Amino acid sequence: MRLELKDLKEGLLEQEYSCGSKDFPVLSELADEADVRFREPLYFKLRLQKTGQIVEVDGSLSAAVGLKCGRCLQPFEQQLAADFALTFSPLVEREEDAAEEVELEADELGLIYYRDEILELREPLQEQLIMSVPIGPCCQEKCQGLCPECGTDLNKAKCTCAKKPFNNKFGALADLKVEKSK
């Protein structure tokens, strides 16, 4: 996924991409390690604008992803949609003998380098896909999860486990009686 800057006629270009998860190598690792499976196709809509040497990209992504619920561990599918903005800057070689001024690096400014008038889009788009995946996925808002004692899926059945108070640090103070002074 490369784009040559000469394709930016009059400094503006709108592109739409439809691709598969095989185009992004980290997504297969994510599927193996975190059980996050992207369904194909993945859609990207990009609006690129060049101002001088800087290229700004406003984009949106749309993808379906298969996840496991963080509460009940049941698989479910969720639609992802996210907007993002990226800024590309040319890679400038610096002289080692330059004055010892403190300069911010491109990573610190949120810039992405490009070389030879070619934007490499694979890594930034892959990063946006990964950042759009929810950290604690939940199959439904009212998911009751699993019983911590017996592991019963509380969405499907009730268990007979005695309910213990959760983290009751002040339970010892329940029977404490305080006399008021007059």
C-alpha atoms as a PDB file:
ATOM      1  CA  MET A   1       0.000   0.000   0.000  1.00  0.00           C
ATOM      2  CA  ARG A   2       2.046   2.807  -1.399  1.00  0.00           C
ATOM      3  CA  LEU A   3       1.129   6.155  -2.793  1.00  0.00           C
ATOM      4  CA  GLU A   4       3.381   8.327  -4.906  1.00  0.00           C
ATOM      5  CA  LEU A   5       3.150  12.056  -4.249  1.00  0.00           C
ATOM      6  CA  LYS A   6       2.974  12.760  -7.976  1.00  0.00           C
ATOM      7  CA  ASP A   7      -0.557  11.267  -7.793  1.00  0.00           C
ATOM      8  CA  LEU A   8      -1.609  14.197  -5.610  1.00  0.00           C
ATOM      9  CA  LYS A   9      -2.751  16.443  -8.428  1.00  0.00           C
ATOM     10  CA  GLU A  10      -3.321  20.003  -7.281  1.00  0.00           C
ATOM     11  CA  GLY A  11      -2.361  18.891  -3.772  1.00  0.00           C
ATOM     12  CA  LEU A  12      -5.546  16.916  -3.112  1.00  0.00           C
ATOM     13  CA  LEU A  13      -6.522  13.261  -3.566  1.00  0.00           C
ATOM     14  CA  GLU A  14      -9.377  11.117  -2.315  1.00  0.00           C
ATOM     15  CA  GLN A  15      -8.883   7.355  -2.275  1.00  0.00           C
ATOM     16  CA  GLU A  16     -10.881   4.364  -1.171  1.00  0.00           C
ATOM     17  CA  TYR A  17      -9.242   1.053  -0.374  1.00  0.00           C
ATOM     18  CA  SER A  18     -10.790  -2.346   0.107  1.00  0.00           C
ATOM     19  CA  CYS A  19      -8.297  -4.938   1.281  1.00  0.00           C
ATOM     20  CA  GLY A  20      -7.954  -8.145   3.235  1.00  0.00           C
ATOM     21  CA  SER A  21      -6.420  -8.875   6.604  1.00  0.00           C
ATOM     22  CA  LYS A  22      -3.552 -10.659   4.810  1.00  0.00           C
ATOM     23  CA  ASP A  23      -2.331  -7.228   3.708  1.00  0.00           C
ATOM     24  CA  PHE A  24      -1.513  -6.434   7.358  1.00  0.00           C
ATOM     25  CA  PRO A  25       0.897  -8.964   8.957  1.00  0.00           C
ATOM     26  CA  VAL A  26       0.226  -7.926  12.556  1.00  0.00           C
ATOM     27  CA  LEU A  27      -3.466  -8.817  12.243  1.00  0.00           C
ATOM     28  CA  SER A  28      -2.649 -12.529  11.920  1.00  0.00           C
ATOM     29  CA  GLU A  29      -0.516 -12.282  15.088  1.00  0.00           C
ATOM     30  CA  LEU A  30      -3.419 -10.550  16.830  1.00  0.00           C
ATOM     31  CA  ALA A  31      -5.735 -13.374  15.748  1.00  0.00           C
ATOM     32  CA  ASP A  32      -3.383 -15.989  17.214  1.00  0.00           C
ATOM     33  CA  GLU A  33      -2.543 -14.212  20.472  1.00  0.00           C
ATOM     34  CA  ALA A  34      -5.705 -12.294  21.365  1.00  0.00           C
ATOM     35  CA  ASP A  35      -8.361 -14.184  19.368  1.00  0.00           C
ATOM     36  CA  VAL A  36      -9.296 -11.064  17.384  1.00  0.00           C
ATOM     37  CA  ARG A  37     -10.273 -12.023  13.832  1.00  0.00           C
ATOM     38  CA  PHE A  38     -10.846  -9.342  11.227  1.00  0.00           C
ATOM     39  CA  ARG A  39     -13.476 -10.235   8.631  1.00  0.00           C
ATOM     40  CA  GLU A  40     -12.845  -9.269   5.058  1.00  0.00           C
ATOM     41  CA  PRO A  41     -12.996  -6.850   3.392  1.00  0.00           C
ATOM     42  CA  LEU A  42     -11.512  -3.969   5.367  1.00  0.00           C
ATOM     43  CA  TYR A  43     -12.511  -0.527   4.074  1.00  0.00           C
ATOM     44  CA  PHE A  44     -10.487   2.666   4.211  1.00  0.00           C
ATOM     45  CA  LYS A  45     -11.515   6.047   2.888  1.00  0.00           C
ATOM     46  CA  LEU A  46      -8.660   8.565   2.715  1.00  0.00           C
ATOM     47  CA  ARG A  47      -8.473  12.241   1.863  1.00  0.00           C
ATOM     48  CA  LEU A  48      -4.889  13.352   1.287  1.00  0.00           C
ATOM     49  CA  GLN A  49      -3.832  16.971   1.104  1.00  0.00           C
ATOM     50  CA  LYS A  50      -0.318  18.185   0.377  1.00  0.00           C
ATOM     51  CA  THR A  51       0.887  21.510   1.704  1.00  0.00           C
ATOM     52  CA  GLY A  52       4.510  22.093   0.822  1.00  0.00           C
ATOM     53  CA  GLN A  53       6.379  18.984   1.951  1.00  0.00           C
ATOM     54  CA  ILE A  54       3.735  17.965   4.528  1.00  0.00           C
ATOM     55  CA  VAL A  55       0.968  15.536   3.573  1.00  0.00           C
ATOM     56  CA  GLU A  56      -2.078  15.408   5.813  1.00  0.00           C
ATOM     57  CA  VAL A  57      -4.369  12.401   5.665  1.00  0.00           C
ATOM     58  CA  ASP A  58      -7.898  12.438   7.033  1.00  0.00           C
ATOM     59  CA  GLY A  59      -9.361   8.979   6.957  1.00  0.00           C
ATOM     60  CA  SER A  60     -11.986   6.592   8.166  1.00  0.00           C
ATOM     61  CA  LEU A  61     -12.038   2.836   8.472  1.00  0.00           C
ATOM     62  CA  SER A  62     -14.787   0.276   8.556  1.00  0.00           C
ATOM     63  CA  ALA A  63     -14.343  -3.384   9.414  1.00  0.00           C
ATOM     64  CA  ALA A  64     -16.113  -6.300  11.018  1.00  0.00           C
ATOM     65  CA  VAL A  65     -14.187  -8.135  13.704  1.00  0.00           C
ATOM     66  CA  GLY A  66     -14.803 -11.390  15.547  1.00  0.00           C
ATOM     67  CA  LEU A  67     -14.107 -11.094  19.288  1.00  0.00           C
ATOM     68  CA  LYS A  68     -14.646 -12.997  22.527  1.00  0.00           C
ATOM     69  CA  CYS A  69     -16.737 -11.340  25.196  1.00  0.00           C
ATOM     70  CA  GLY A  70     -14.680 -10.251  28.186  1.00  0.00           C
ATOM     71  CA  ARG A  71     -17.499 -11.271  30.555  1.00  0.00           C
ATOM     72  CA  CYS A  72     -18.983 -14.546  29.254  1.00  0.00           C
ATOM     73  CA  LEU A  73     -16.217 -15.631  26.822  1.00  0.00           C
ATOM     74  CA  GLN A  74     -18.738 -16.238  24.019  1.00  0.00           C
ATOM     75  CA  PRO A  75     -17.663 -15.311  20.480  1.00  0.00           C
ATOM     76  CA  PHE A  76     -19.480 -12.424  18.802  1.00  0.00           C
ATOM     77  CA  GLU A  77     -19.006 -10.082  15.883  1.00  0.00           C
ATOM     78  CA  GLN A  78     -18.745  -6.313  16.145  1.00  0.00           C
ATOM     79  CA  GLN A  79     -18.637  -3.612  13.494  1.00  0.00           C
ATOM     80  CA  LEU A  80     -15.708  -1.192  13.877  1.00  0.00           C
ATOM     81  CA  ALA A  81     -15.747   2.350  12.536  1.00  0.00           C
ATOM     82  CA  ALA A  82     -13.172   5.004  13.316  1.00  0.00           C
ATOM     83  CA  ASP A  83     -11.936   8.327  11.996  1.00  0.00           C
ATOM     84  CA  PHE A  84      -8.264   9.238  12.122  1.00  0.00           C
ATOM     85  CA  ALA A  85      -5.766  11.872  11.015  1.00  0.00           C
ATOM     86  CA  LEU A  86      -2.161  11.245   9.990  1.00  0.00           C
ATOM     87  CA  THR A  87       0.606  13.671   9.068  1.00  0.00           C
ATOM     88  CA  PHE A  88       3.497  12.653   6.821  1.00  0.00           C
ATOM     89  CA  SER A  89       6.768  14.564   6.626  1.00  0.00           C
ATOM     90  CA  PRO A  90       9.832  13.974   4.423  1.00  0.00           C
ATOM     91  CA  LEU A  91      12.791  12.251   6.017  1.00  0.00           C
ATOM     92  CA  VAL A  92      15.583  14.794   6.348  1.00  0.00           C
ATOM     93  CA  GLU A  93      19.099  13.563   6.996  1.00  0.00           C
ATOM     94  CA  ARG A  94      20.703  15.520   9.820  1.00  0.00           C
ATOM     95  CA  GLU A  95      24.305  16.447  10.150  1.00  0.00           C
ATOM     96  CA  GLU A  96      26.034  14.988  13.182  1.00  0.00           C
ATOM     97  CA  ASP A  97      28.032  18.193  13.685  1.00  0.00           C
ATOM     98  CA  ALA A  98      24.925  20.362  14.035  1.00  0.00           C
ATOM     99  CA  ALA A  99      24.573  22.608  17.049  1.00  0.00           C
ATOM    100  CA  GLU A 100      23.488  20.862  20.220  1.00  0.00           C
ATOM    101  CA  GLU A 101      20.004  22.268  20.228  1.00  0.00           C
ATOM    102  CA  VAL A 102      17.184  20.179  21.571  1.00  0.00           C
ATOM    103  CA  GLU A 103      14.826  19.247  18.763  1.00  0.00           C
ATOM    104  CA  LEU A 104      11.687  17.198  18.914  1.00  0.00           C
ATOM    105  CA  GLU A 105      11.807  13.990  16.914  1.00  0.00           C
ATOM    106  CA  ALA A 106       9.103  13.247  14.337  1.00  0.00           C
ATOM    107  CA  ASP A 107       7.639  10.506  16.577  1.00  0.00           C
ATOM    108  CA  GLU A 108       7.246  13.029  19.379  1.00  0.00           C
ATOM    109  CA  LEU A 109       5.353  15.350  17.050  1.00  0.00           C
ATOM    110  CA  GLY A 110       3.150  12.542  15.748  1.00  0.00           C
ATOM    111  CA  LEU A 111       4.672  12.707  12.260  1.00  0.00           C
ATOM    112  CA  ILE A 112       5.305   9.767   9.943  1.00  0.00           C
ATOM    113  CA  TYR A 113       8.362   9.966   7.681  1.00  0.00           C
ATOM    114  CA  TYR A 114       8.305   9.331   3.965  1.00  0.00           C
ATOM    115  CA  ARG A 115      11.165   8.890   1.480  1.00  0.00           C
ATOM    116  CA  ASP A 116      11.593   9.351  -2.238  1.00  0.00           C
ATOM    117  CA  GLU A 117       8.178  11.018  -2.654  1.00  0.00           C
ATOM    118  CA  ILE A 118       6.409   7.750  -1.666  1.00  0.00           C
ATOM    119  CA  LEU A 119       3.991   7.360   1.253  1.00  0.00           C
ATOM    120  CA  GLU A 120       4.013   3.903   2.839  1.00  0.00           C
ATOM    121  CA  LEU A 121       0.452   3.476   4.150  1.00  0.00           C
ATOM    122  CA  ARG A 122       0.555  -0.139   5.403  1.00  0.00           C
ATOM    123  CA  GLU A 123       1.978   0.514   8.897  1.00  0.00           C
ATOM    124  CA  PRO A 124      -0.122   3.600   9.758  1.00  0.00           C
ATOM    125  CA  LEU A 125      -3.360   1.976   8.556  1.00  0.00           C
ATOM    126  CA  GLN A 126      -2.540  -1.235  10.407  1.00  0.00           C
ATOM    127  CA  GLU A 127      -1.982   0.813  13.561  1.00  0.00           C
ATOM    128  CA  GLN A 128      -5.380   2.489  13.145  1.00  0.00           C
ATOM    129  CA  LEU A 129      -7.077  -0.908  12.782  1.00  0.00           C
ATOM    130  CA  ILE A 130      -5.478  -2.214  15.963  1.00  0.00           C
ATOM    131  CA  MET A 131      -6.324   0.938  17.924  1.00  0.00           C
ATOM    132  CA  SER A 132      -9.987   0.629  16.901  1.00  0.00           C
ATOM    133  CA  VAL A 133     -10.360  -2.802  18.564  1.00  0.00           C
ATOM    134  CA  PRO A 134     -12.074  -2.448  21.965  1.00  0.00           C
ATOM    135  CA  ILE A 135      -9.907  -3.265  24.984  1.00  0.00           C
ATOM    136  CA  GLY A 136     -12.675  -4.970  26.967  1.00  0.00           C
ATOM    137  CA  PRO A 137     -15.112  -6.308  24.378  1.00  0.00           C
ATOM    138  CA  CYS A 138     -18.616  -7.112  25.585  1.00  0.00           C
ATOM    139  CA  CYS A 139     -21.170  -9.062  23.554  1.00  0.00           C
ATOM    140  CA  GLN A 140     -24.096  -7.055  24.897  1.00  0.00           C
ATOM    141  CA  GLU A 141     -24.579  -4.277  27.408  1.00  0.00           C
ATOM    142  CA  LYS A 142     -26.558  -6.493  29.799  1.00  0.00           C
ATOM    143  CA  CYS A 143     -24.142  -9.448  29.680  1.00  0.00           C
ATOM    144  CA  GLN A 144     -24.024 -11.021  33.157  1.00  0.00           C
ATOM    145  CA  GLY A 145     -20.806 -12.942  32.533  1.00  0.00           C
ATOM    146  CA  LEU A 146     -19.717 -16.136  34.267  1.00  0.00           C
ATOM    147  CA  CYS A 147     -20.243 -17.186  37.887  1.00  0.00           C
ATOM    148  CA  PRO A 148     -16.879 -16.731  39.656  1.00  0.00           C
ATOM    149  CA  GLU A 149     -17.466 -19.906  41.689  1.00  0.00           C
ATOM    150  CA  CYS A 150     -18.749 -22.544  39.241  1.00  0.00           C
ATOM    151  CA  GLY A 151     -18.242 -20.889  35.832  1.00  0.00           C
ATOM    152  CA  THR A 152     -21.892 -21.071  34.733  1.00  0.00           C
ATOM    153  CA  ASP A 153     -22.809 -18.638  31.958  1.00  0.00           C
ATOM    154  CA  LEU A 154     -25.288 -16.442  33.836  1.00  0.00           C
ATOM    155  CA  ASN A 155     -26.885 -15.300  30.559  1.00  0.00           C
ATOM    156  CA  LYS A 156     -28.100 -18.849  29.892  1.00  0.00           C
ATOM    157  CA  ALA A 157     -28.716 -20.341  33.357  1.00  0.00           C
ATOM    158  CA  LYS A 158     -28.772 -19.517  37.052  1.00  0.00           C
ATOM    159  CA  CYS A 159     -26.340 -21.168  39.384  1.00  0.00           C
ATOM    160  CA  THR A 160     -26.897 -22.296  42.966  1.00  0.00           C
ATOM    161  CA  CYS A 161     -23.655 -20.900  44.363  1.00  0.00           C
ATOM    162  CA  ALA A 162     -23.901 -18.851  47.540  1.00  0.00           C
ATOM    163  CA  LYS A 163     -23.243 -15.243  46.691  1.00  0.00           C
ATOM    164  CA  LYS A 164     -20.335 -13.807  48.607  1.00  0.00           C
ATOM    165  CA  PRO A 165     -20.134 -10.071  49.170  1.00  0.00           C
ATOM    166  CA  PHE A 166     -17.646  -8.637  46.737  1.00  0.00           C
ATOM    167  CA  ASN A 167     -14.598  -7.034  48.345  1.00  0.00           C
ATOM    168  CA  ASN A 168     -16.414  -6.220  51.570  1.00  0.00           C
ATOM    169  CA  LYS A 169     -13.544  -4.536  53.425  1.00  0.00           C
ATOM    170  CA  PHE A 170     -15.860  -2.881  55.924  1.00  0.00           C
ATOM    171  CA  GLY A 171     -17.918  -5.994  56.779  1.00  0.00           C
ATOM    172  CA  ALA A 172     -16.178  -6.231  60.185  1.00  0.00           C
ATOM    173  CA  LEU A 173     -17.632  -2.845  61.131  1.00  0.00           C
ATOM    174  CA  ALA A 174     -21.242  -3.944  60.527  1.00  0.00           C
ATOM    175  CA  ASP A 175     -21.867  -4.908  64.182  1.00  0.00           C
ATOM    176  CA  LEU A 176     -19.938  -1.992  65.680  1.00  0.00           C
ATOM    177  CA  LYS A 177     -22.085   0.236  67.909  1.00  0.00           C
ATOM    178  CA  VAL A 178     -20.887   3.697  68.686  1.00  0.00           C
ATOM    179  CA  GLU A 179     -22.200   5.576  71.697  1.00  0.00           C
ATOM    180  CA  LYS A 180     -22.776   9.249  71.186  1.00  0.00           C
ATOM    181  CA  SER A 181     -21.356  11.582  73.815  1.00  0.00           C
ATOM    182  CA  LYS A 182     -23.677  14.190  75.261  1.00  0.00           C
END
